[in-house]
Amino acid sequence: MAKVLKQYEPSKRPGPEAKYPWSDWFDGQIWQITQAEDFPDSTVSSMEDLIRKTAKQYGYTVSVFKEDDDTLVIRPREE
C-alpha cells in the first residue's frame, strides 16, 4: 500500500555516463570534432543529426557544419 513520507533522501547511485561530452560541446565555444577521435562508433551524418537533437534537448541551438568526410564543426547559434 502507498504511504506518505515525511522526508526522502534519494540514493546517490550514479546515472549512466554520457557517451559524448555534451556539456563541453555546448559550452558556447566553436568546436571541431573528428570521427576518428571523437565519435568513432558513429557516421558523420548520424552524428550531425544527434548533435542537433541533443542540443535541442539541452535547450541550445547550434549550427553543425560538415568540413570534410570525417570532421564536423559545432557552433552555437543566437536565437
PDB file of N, CA and C in Angstrom:
ATOM      1  N   MET A   1       0.841  -1.179   0.000  1.00  0.00           N
ATOM      2  CA  MET A   1       0.000   0.000   0.000  1.00  0.00           C
ATOM      3  C   MET A   1       0.888   1.245   0.000  1.00  0.00           C
ATOM      4  N   ALA A   2       0.489   2.262  -0.727  1.00  0.00           N
ATOM      5  CA  ALA A   2       1.246   3.501  -0.807  1.00  0.00           C
ATOM      6  C   ALA A   2       1.217   4.212   0.534  1.00  0.00           C
ATOM      7  N   LYS A   3       2.291   4.970   0.822  1.00  0.00           N
ATOM      8  CA  LYS A   3       2.316   5.718   2.075  1.00  0.00           C
ATOM      9  C   LYS A   3       3.000   7.060   1.874  1.00  0.00           C
ATOM     10  N   VAL A   4       2.664   8.009   2.709  1.00  0.00           N
ATOM     11  CA  VAL A   4       3.239   9.349   2.676  1.00  0.00           C
ATOM     12  C   VAL A   4       4.508   9.333   3.513  1.00  0.00           C
ATOM     13  N   LEU A   5       5.578   9.921   2.992  1.00  0.00           N
ATOM     14  CA  LEU A   5       6.846  10.019   3.711  1.00  0.00           C
ATOM     15  C   LEU A   5       7.028  11.438   4.217  1.00  0.00           C
ATOM     16  N   LYS A   6       7.641  11.591   5.361  1.00  0.00           N
ATOM     17  CA  LYS A   6       7.920  12.928   5.900  1.00  0.00           C
ATOM     18  C   LYS A   6       9.128  13.539   5.208  1.00  0.00           C
ATOM     19  N   GLN A   7      10.049  12.716   4.795  1.00  0.00           N
ATOM     20  CA  GLN A   7      11.215  13.184   4.041  1.00  0.00           C
ATOM     21  C   GLN A   7      11.788  12.021   3.263  1.00  0.00           C
ATOM     22  N   TYR A   8      12.649  12.346   2.313  1.00  0.00           N
ATOM     23  CA  TYR A   8      13.244  11.300   1.481  1.00  0.00           C
ATOM     24  C   TYR A   8      14.578  11.791   0.959  1.00  0.00           C
ATOM     25  N   GLU A   9      15.596  11.000   1.118  1.00  0.00           N
ATOM     26  CA  GLU A   9      16.916  11.271   0.553  1.00  0.00           C
ATOM     27  C   GLU A   9      17.175  10.241  -0.538  1.00  0.00           C
ATOM     28  N   PRO A  10      17.210  10.675  -1.785  1.00  0.00           N
ATOM     29  CA  PRO A  10      17.442   9.702  -2.857  1.00  0.00           C
ATOM     30  C   PRO A  10      18.829   9.083  -2.736  1.00  0.00           C
ATOM     31  N   SER A  11      18.938   7.861  -3.190  1.00  0.00           N
ATOM     32  CA  SER A  11      20.242   7.195  -3.156  1.00  0.00           C
ATOM     33  C   SER A  11      21.186   7.908  -4.110  1.00  0.00           C
ATOM     34  N   LYS A  12      22.440   7.820  -3.853  1.00  0.00           N
ATOM     35  CA  LYS A  12      23.454   8.531  -4.640  1.00  0.00           C
ATOM     36  C   LYS A  12      24.010   7.640  -5.755  1.00  0.00           C
ATOM     37  N   ARG A  13      23.150   6.821  -6.334  1.00  0.00           N
ATOM     38  CA  ARG A  13      23.602   5.969  -7.427  1.00  0.00           C
ATOM     39  C   ARG A  13      23.956   6.828  -8.631  1.00  0.00           C
ATOM     40  N   PRO A  14      25.093   6.564  -9.233  1.00  0.00           N
ATOM     41  CA  PRO A  14      25.447   7.334 -10.420  1.00  0.00           C
ATOM     42  C   PRO A  14      24.562   6.936 -11.594  1.00  0.00           C
ATOM     43  N   GLY A  15      24.194   7.910 -12.377  1.00  0.00           N
ATOM     44  CA  GLY A  15      23.411   7.631 -13.580  1.00  0.00           C
ATOM     45  C   GLY A  15      24.333   7.168 -14.688  1.00  0.00           C
ATOM     46  N   PRO A  16      23.766   6.859 -15.819  1.00  0.00           N
ATOM     47  CA  PRO A  16      24.610   6.427 -16.929  1.00  0.00           C
ATOM     48  C   PRO A  16      25.506   7.573 -17.384  1.00  0.00           C
ATOM     49  N   GLU A  17      26.709   7.247 -17.716  1.00  0.00           N
ATOM     50  CA  GLU A  17      27.654   8.251 -18.170  1.00  0.00           C
ATOM     51  C   GLU A  17      27.382   8.578 -19.639  1.00  0.00           C
ATOM     52  N   ALA A  18      27.402   9.852 -19.966  1.00  0.00           N
ATOM     53  CA  ALA A  18      27.167  10.264 -21.350  1.00  0.00           C
ATOM     54  C   ALA A  18      28.281   9.733 -22.248  1.00  0.00           C
ATOM     55  N   LYS A  19      27.892   9.318 -23.428  1.00  0.00           N
ATOM     56  CA  LYS A  19      28.868   8.779 -24.372  1.00  0.00           C
ATOM     57  C   LYS A  19      29.741   9.896 -24.946  1.00  0.00           C
ATOM     58  N   TYR A  20      29.160  11.080 -25.079  1.00  0.00           N
ATOM     59  CA  TYR A  20      29.876  12.227 -25.648  1.00  0.00           C
ATOM     60  C   TYR A  20      29.893  13.378 -24.638  1.00  0.00           C
ATOM     61  N   PRO A  21      30.886  14.249 -24.708  1.00  0.00           N
ATOM     62  CA  PRO A  21      30.993  15.357 -23.740  1.00  0.00           C
ATOM     63  C   PRO A  21      30.092  16.546 -24.108  1.00  0.00           C
ATOM     64  N   TRP A  22      28.784  16.327 -24.029  1.00  0.00           N
ATOM     65  CA  TRP A  22      27.833  17.351 -24.463  1.00  0.00           C
ATOM     66  C   TRP A  22      28.033  18.680 -23.743  1.00  0.00           C
ATOM     67  N   SER A  23      28.278  18.651 -22.442  1.00  0.00           N
ATOM     68  CA  SER A  23      28.427  19.920 -21.712  1.00  0.00           C
ATOM     69  C   SER A  23      29.624  20.715 -22.220  1.00  0.00           C
ATOM     70  N   ASP A  24      30.648  20.033 -22.685  1.00  0.00           N
ATOM     71  CA  ASP A  24      31.783  20.735 -23.299  1.00  0.00           C
ATOM     72  C   ASP A  24      31.375  21.293 -24.660  1.00  0.00           C
ATOM     73  N   TRP A  25      30.806  20.438 -25.480  1.00  0.00           N
ATOM     74  CA  TRP A  25      30.481  20.829 -26.851  1.00  0.00           C
ATOM     75  C   TRP A  25      29.403  21.904 -26.927  1.00  0.00           C
ATOM     76  N   PHE A  26      28.592  22.045 -25.877  1.00  0.00           N
ATOM     77  CA  PHE A  26      27.546  23.070 -25.860  1.00  0.00           C
ATOM     78  C   PHE A  26      27.877  24.195 -24.894  1.00  0.00           C
ATOM     79  N   ASP A  27      29.161  24.472 -24.697  1.00  0.00           N
ATOM     80  CA  ASP A  27      29.579  25.493 -23.721  1.00  0.00           C
ATOM     81  C   ASP A  27      29.686  26.897 -24.309  1.00  0.00           C
ATOM     82  N   GLY A  28      29.220  27.087 -25.541  1.00  0.00           N
ATOM     83  CA  GLY A  28      29.242  28.416 -26.156  1.00  0.00           C
ATOM     84  C   GLY A  28      30.448  28.672 -27.036  1.00  0.00           C
ATOM     85  N   GLN A  29      31.369  27.734 -27.099  1.00  0.00           N
ATOM     86  CA  GLN A  29      32.540  27.880 -27.960  1.00  0.00           C
ATOM     87  C   GLN A  29      32.313  27.124 -29.270  1.00  0.00           C
ATOM     88  N   ILE A  30      33.168  27.362 -30.234  1.00  0.00           N
ATOM     89  CA  ILE A  30      33.106  26.647 -31.512  1.00  0.00           C
ATOM     90  C   ILE A  30      34.021  25.437 -31.403  1.00  0.00           C
ATOM     91  N   TRP A  31      33.448  24.253 -31.649  1.00  0.00           N
ATOM     92  CA  TRP A  31      34.198  23.002 -31.515  1.00  0.00           C
ATOM     93  C   TRP A  31      34.342  22.317 -32.869  1.00  0.00           C
ATOM     94  N   GLN A  32      35.545  21.831 -33.138  1.00  0.00           N
ATOM     95  CA  GLN A  32      35.794  20.976 -34.297  1.00  0.00           C
ATOM     96  C   GLN A  32      36.002  19.559 -33.766  1.00  0.00           C
ATOM     97  N   ILE A  33      35.198  18.628 -34.249  1.00  0.00           N
ATOM     98  CA  ILE A  33      35.312  17.248 -33.798  1.00  0.00           C
ATOM     99  C   ILE A  33      35.551  16.339 -35.001  1.00  0.00           C
ATOM    100  N   THR A  34      36.298  15.271 -34.770  1.00  0.00           N
ATOM    101  CA  THR A  34      36.600  14.342 -35.856  1.00  0.00           C
ATOM    102  C   THR A  34      36.084  12.949 -35.519  1.00  0.00           C
ATOM    103  N   GLN A  35      35.698  12.244 -36.562  1.00  0.00           N
ATOM    104  CA  GLN A  35      35.143  10.908 -36.375  1.00  0.00           C
ATOM    105  C   GLN A  35      36.151   9.980 -35.707  1.00  0.00           C
ATOM    106  N   ALA A  36      37.383   9.993 -36.140  1.00  0.00           N
ATOM    107  CA  ALA A  36      38.395   9.070 -35.608  1.00  0.00           C
ATOM    108  C   ALA A  36      38.609   9.256 -34.107  1.00  0.00           C
ATOM    109  N   GLU A  37      38.610  10.485 -33.635  1.00  0.00           N
ATOM    110  CA  GLU A  37      38.908  10.752 -32.228  1.00  0.00           C
ATOM    111  C   GLU A  37      37.679  10.930 -31.348  1.00  0.00           C
ATOM    112  N   ASP A  38      36.632  11.561 -31.871  1.00  0.00           N
ATOM    113  CA  ASP A  38      35.530  11.992 -31.019  1.00  0.00           C
ATOM    114  C   ASP A  38      34.247  11.169 -31.124  1.00  0.00           C
ATOM    115  N   PHE A  39      34.020  10.540 -32.271  1.00  0.00           N
ATOM    116  CA  PHE A  39      32.808   9.717 -32.418  1.00  0.00           C
ATOM    117  C   PHE A  39      33.065   8.538 -33.358  1.00  0.00           C
ATOM    118  N   PRO A  40      34.005   7.661 -32.971  1.00  0.00           N
ATOM    119  CA  PRO A  40      34.414   6.564 -33.851  1.00  0.00           C
ATOM    120  C   PRO A  40      33.321   5.528 -34.128  1.00  0.00           C
ATOM    121  N   ASP A  41      32.301   5.477 -33.287  1.00  0.00           N
ATOM    122  CA  ASP A  41      31.247   4.472 -33.471  1.00  0.00           C
ATOM    123  C   ASP A  41      30.052   4.982 -34.262  1.00  0.00           C
ATOM    124  N   SER A  42      30.120   6.212 -34.757  1.00  0.00           N
ATOM    125  CA  SER A  42      29.003   6.813 -35.495  1.00  0.00           C
ATOM    126  C   SER A  42      29.461   7.299 -36.859  1.00  0.00           C
ATOM    127  N   THR A  43      28.516   7.376 -37.775  1.00  0.00           N
ATOM    128  CA  THR A  43      28.827   8.002 -39.059  1.00  0.00           C
ATOM    129  C   THR A  43      28.758   9.510 -38.885  1.00  0.00           C
ATOM    130  N   VAL A  44      29.345  10.230 -39.805  1.00  0.00           N
ATOM    131  CA  VAL A  44      29.334  11.688 -39.727  1.00  0.00           C
ATOM    132  C   VAL A  44      27.899  12.213 -39.817  1.00  0.00           C
ATOM    133  N   SER A  45      27.109  11.665 -40.732  1.00  0.00           N
ATOM    134  CA  SER A  45      25.740  12.169 -40.888  1.00  0.00           C
ATOM    135  C   SER A  45      24.870  11.843 -39.676  1.00  0.00           C
ATOM    136  N   SER A  46      25.030  10.653 -39.084  1.00  0.00           N
ATOM    137  CA  SER A  46      24.234  10.344 -37.889  1.00  0.00           C
ATOM    138  C   SER A  46      24.675  11.198 -36.705  1.00  0.00           C
ATOM    139  N   MET A  47      25.964  11.491 -36.609  1.00  0.00           N
ATOM    140  CA  MET A  47      26.458  12.340 -35.524  1.00  0.00           C
ATOM    141  C   MET A  47      25.941  13.768 -35.684  1.00  0.00           C
ATOM    142  N   GLU A  48      25.897  14.224 -36.909  1.00  0.00           N
ATOM    143  CA  GLU A  48      25.376  15.563 -37.189  1.00  0.00           C
ATOM    144  C   GLU A  48      23.926  15.674 -36.694  1.00  0.00           C
ATOM    145  N   ASP A  49      23.116  14.680 -36.996  1.00  0.00           N
ATOM    146  CA  ASP A  49      21.721  14.655 -36.528  1.00  0.00           C
ATOM    147  C   ASP A  49      21.643  14.564 -35.004  1.00  0.00           C
ATOM    148  N   LEU A  50      22.473  13.702 -34.413  1.00  0.00           N
ATOM    149  CA  LEU A  50      22.469  13.517 -32.966  1.00  0.00           C
ATOM    150  C   LEU A  50      22.864  14.804 -32.237  1.00  0.00           C
ATOM    151  N   ILE A  51      23.821  15.536 -32.772  1.00  0.00           N
ATOM    152  CA  ILE A  51      24.247  16.802 -32.152  1.00  0.00           C
ATOM    153  C   ILE A  51      23.083  17.786 -32.113  1.00  0.00           C
ATOM    154  N   ARG A  52      22.388  17.935 -33.239  1.00  0.00           N
ATOM    155  CA  ARG A  52      21.254  18.874 -33.277  1.00  0.00           C
ATOM    156  C   ARG A  52      20.150  18.452 -32.307  1.00  0.00           C
ATOM    157  N   LYS A  53      19.825  17.158 -32.304  1.00  0.00           N
ATOM    158  CA  LYS A  53      18.769  16.640 -31.423  1.00  0.00           C
ATOM    159  C   LYS A  53      19.141  16.825 -29.954  1.00  0.00           C
ATOM    160  N   THR A  54      20.376  16.494 -29.595  1.00  0.00           N
ATOM    161  CA  THR A  54      20.807  16.596 -28.203  1.00  0.00           C
ATOM    162  C   THR A  54      20.892  18.052 -27.766  1.00  0.00           C
ATOM    163  N   ALA A  55      21.369  18.923 -28.637  1.00  0.00           N
ATOM    164  CA  ALA A  55      21.424  20.353 -28.304  1.00  0.00           C
ATOM    165  C   ALA A  55      20.026  20.866 -27.982  1.00  0.00           C
ATOM    166  N   LYS A  56      19.062  20.461 -28.770  1.00  0.00           N
ATOM    167  CA  LYS A  56      17.683  20.891 -28.530  1.00  0.00           C
ATOM    168  C   LYS A  56      17.183  20.373 -27.187  1.00  0.00           C
ATOM    169  N   GLN A  57      17.509  19.120 -26.855  1.00  0.00           N
ATOM    170  CA  GLN A  57      17.110  18.554 -25.560  1.00  0.00           C
ATOM    171  C   GLN A  57      17.730  19.320 -24.396  1.00  0.00           C
ATOM    172  N   TYR A  58      18.947  19.832 -24.595  1.00  0.00           N
ATOM    173  CA  TYR A  58      19.629  20.601 -23.556  1.00  0.00           C
ATOM    174  C   TYR A  58      19.193  22.073 -23.558  1.00  0.00           C
ATOM    175  N   GLY A  59      18.379  22.463 -24.538  1.00  0.00           N
ATOM    176  CA  GLY A  59      17.902  23.836 -24.607  1.00  0.00           C
ATOM    177  C   GLY A  59      18.808  24.765 -25.396  1.00  0.00           C
ATOM    178  N   TYR A  60      19.667  24.215 -26.230  1.00  0.00           N
ATOM    179  CA  TYR A  60      20.586  25.012 -27.042  1.00  0.00           C
ATOM    180  C   TYR A  60      20.209  24.903 -28.509  1.00  0.00           C
ATOM    181  N   THR A  61      20.633  25.891 -29.261  1.00  0.00           N
ATOM    182  CA  THR A  61      20.507  25.843 -30.708  1.00  0.00           C
ATOM    183  C   THR A  61      21.914  25.962 -31.280  1.00  0.00           C
ATOM    184  N   VAL A  62      22.275  25.010 -32.119  1.00  0.00           N
ATOM    185  CA  VAL A  62      23.613  25.014 -32.696  1.00  0.00           C
ATOM    186  C   VAL A  62      23.532  24.864 -34.211  1.00  0.00           C
ATOM    187  N   SER A  63      24.578  25.301 -34.861  1.00  0.00           N
ATOM    188  CA  SER A  63      24.781  25.011 -36.275  1.00  0.00           C
ATOM    189  C   SER A  63      25.863  23.953 -36.348  1.00  0.00           C
ATOM    190  N   VAL A  64      25.679  22.996 -37.233  1.00  0.00           N
ATOM    191  CA  VAL A  64      26.663  21.935 -37.411  1.00  0.00           C
ATOM    192  C   VAL A  64      27.095  21.956 -38.863  1.00  0.00           C
ATOM    193  N   PHE A  65      28.386  22.055 -39.087  1.00  0.00           N
ATOM    194  CA  PHE A  65      28.938  22.118 -40.436  1.00  0.00           C
ATOM    195  C   PHE A  65      29.813  20.903 -40.695  1.00  0.00           C
ATOM    196  N   LYS A  66      29.645  20.308 -41.852  1.00  0.00           N
ATOM    197  CA  LYS A  66      30.499  19.191 -42.256  1.00  0.00           C
ATOM    198  C   LYS A  66      31.682  19.782 -43.022  1.00  0.00           C
ATOM    199  N   GLU A  67      32.858  19.736 -42.402  1.00  0.00           N
ATOM    200  CA  GLU A  67      34.052  20.314 -43.001  1.00  0.00           C
ATOM    201  C   GLU A  67      34.635  19.408 -44.088  1.00  0.00           C
ATOM    202  N   ASP A  68      34.657  18.114 -43.822  1.00  0.00           N
ATOM    203  CA  ASP A  68      35.122  17.133 -44.797  1.00  0.00           C
ATOM    204  C   ASP A  68      34.507  15.788 -44.433  1.00  0.00           C
ATOM    205  N   ASP A  69      35.030  14.722 -44.979  1.00  0.00           N
ATOM    206  CA  ASP A  69      34.411  13.407 -44.789  1.00  0.00           C
ATOM    207  C   ASP A  69      34.393  12.911 -43.350  1.00  0.00           C
ATOM    208  N   ASP A  70      35.232  13.468 -42.470  1.00  0.00           N
ATOM    209  CA  ASP A  70      35.237  12.979 -41.082  1.00  0.00           C
ATOM    210  C   ASP A  70      35.322  14.081 -40.040  1.00  0.00           C
ATOM    211  N   THR A  71      35.004  15.307 -40.417  1.00  0.00           N
ATOM    212  CA  THR A  71      35.118  16.436 -39.488  1.00  0.00           C
ATOM    213  C   THR A  71      33.831  17.254 -39.450  1.00  0.00           C
ATOM    214  N   LEU A  72      33.385  17.543 -38.235  1.00  0.00           N
ATOM    215  CA  LEU A  72      32.231  18.406 -38.023  1.00  0.00           C
ATOM    216  C   LEU A  72      32.645  19.605 -37.168  1.00  0.00           C
ATOM    217  N   VAL A  73      31.988  20.722 -37.399  1.00  0.00           N
ATOM    218  CA  VAL A  73      32.189  21.924 -36.568  1.00  0.00           C
ATOM    219  C   VAL A  73      30.846  22.245 -35.920  1.00  0.00           C
ATOM    220  N   ILE A  74      30.875  22.427 -34.598  1.00  0.00           N
ATOM    221  CA  ILE A  74      29.669  22.783 -33.840  1.00  0.00           C
ATOM    222  C   ILE A  74      29.809  24.232 -33.409  1.00  0.00           C
ATOM    223  N   ARG A  75      28.837  25.040 -33.816  1.00  0.00           N
ATOM    224  CA  ARG A  75      28.876  26.469 -33.475  1.00  0.00           C
ATOM    225  C   ARG A  75      27.555  26.865 -32.824  1.00  0.00           C
ATOM    226  N   PRO A  76      27.595  27.540 -31.677  1.00  0.00           N
ATOM    227  CA  PRO A  76      26.356  27.973 -31.043  1.00  0.00           C
ATOM    228  C   PRO A  76      25.663  29.021 -31.916  1.00  0.00           C
ATOM    229  N   ARG A  77      24.341  29.005 -31.887  1.00  0.00           N
ATOM    230  CA  ARG A  77      23.562  29.987 -32.646  1.00  0.00           C
ATOM    231  C   ARG A  77      22.799  30.868 -31.697  1.00  0.00           C
ATOM    232  N   GLU A  78      22.759  32.133 -31.989  1.00  0.00           N
ATOM    233  CA  GLU A  78      21.958  33.086 -31.207  1.00  0.00           C
ATOM    234  C   GLU A  78      20.540  33.025 -31.741  1.00  0.00           C
ATOM    235  N   GLU A  79      19.584  32.963 -30.857  1.00  0.00           N
ATOM    236  CA  GLU A  79      18.172  32.936 -31.273  1.00  0.00           C
ATOM    237  C   GLU A  79      17.543  34.278 -31.047  1.00  0.00           C
TER     238      GLU A  79
END
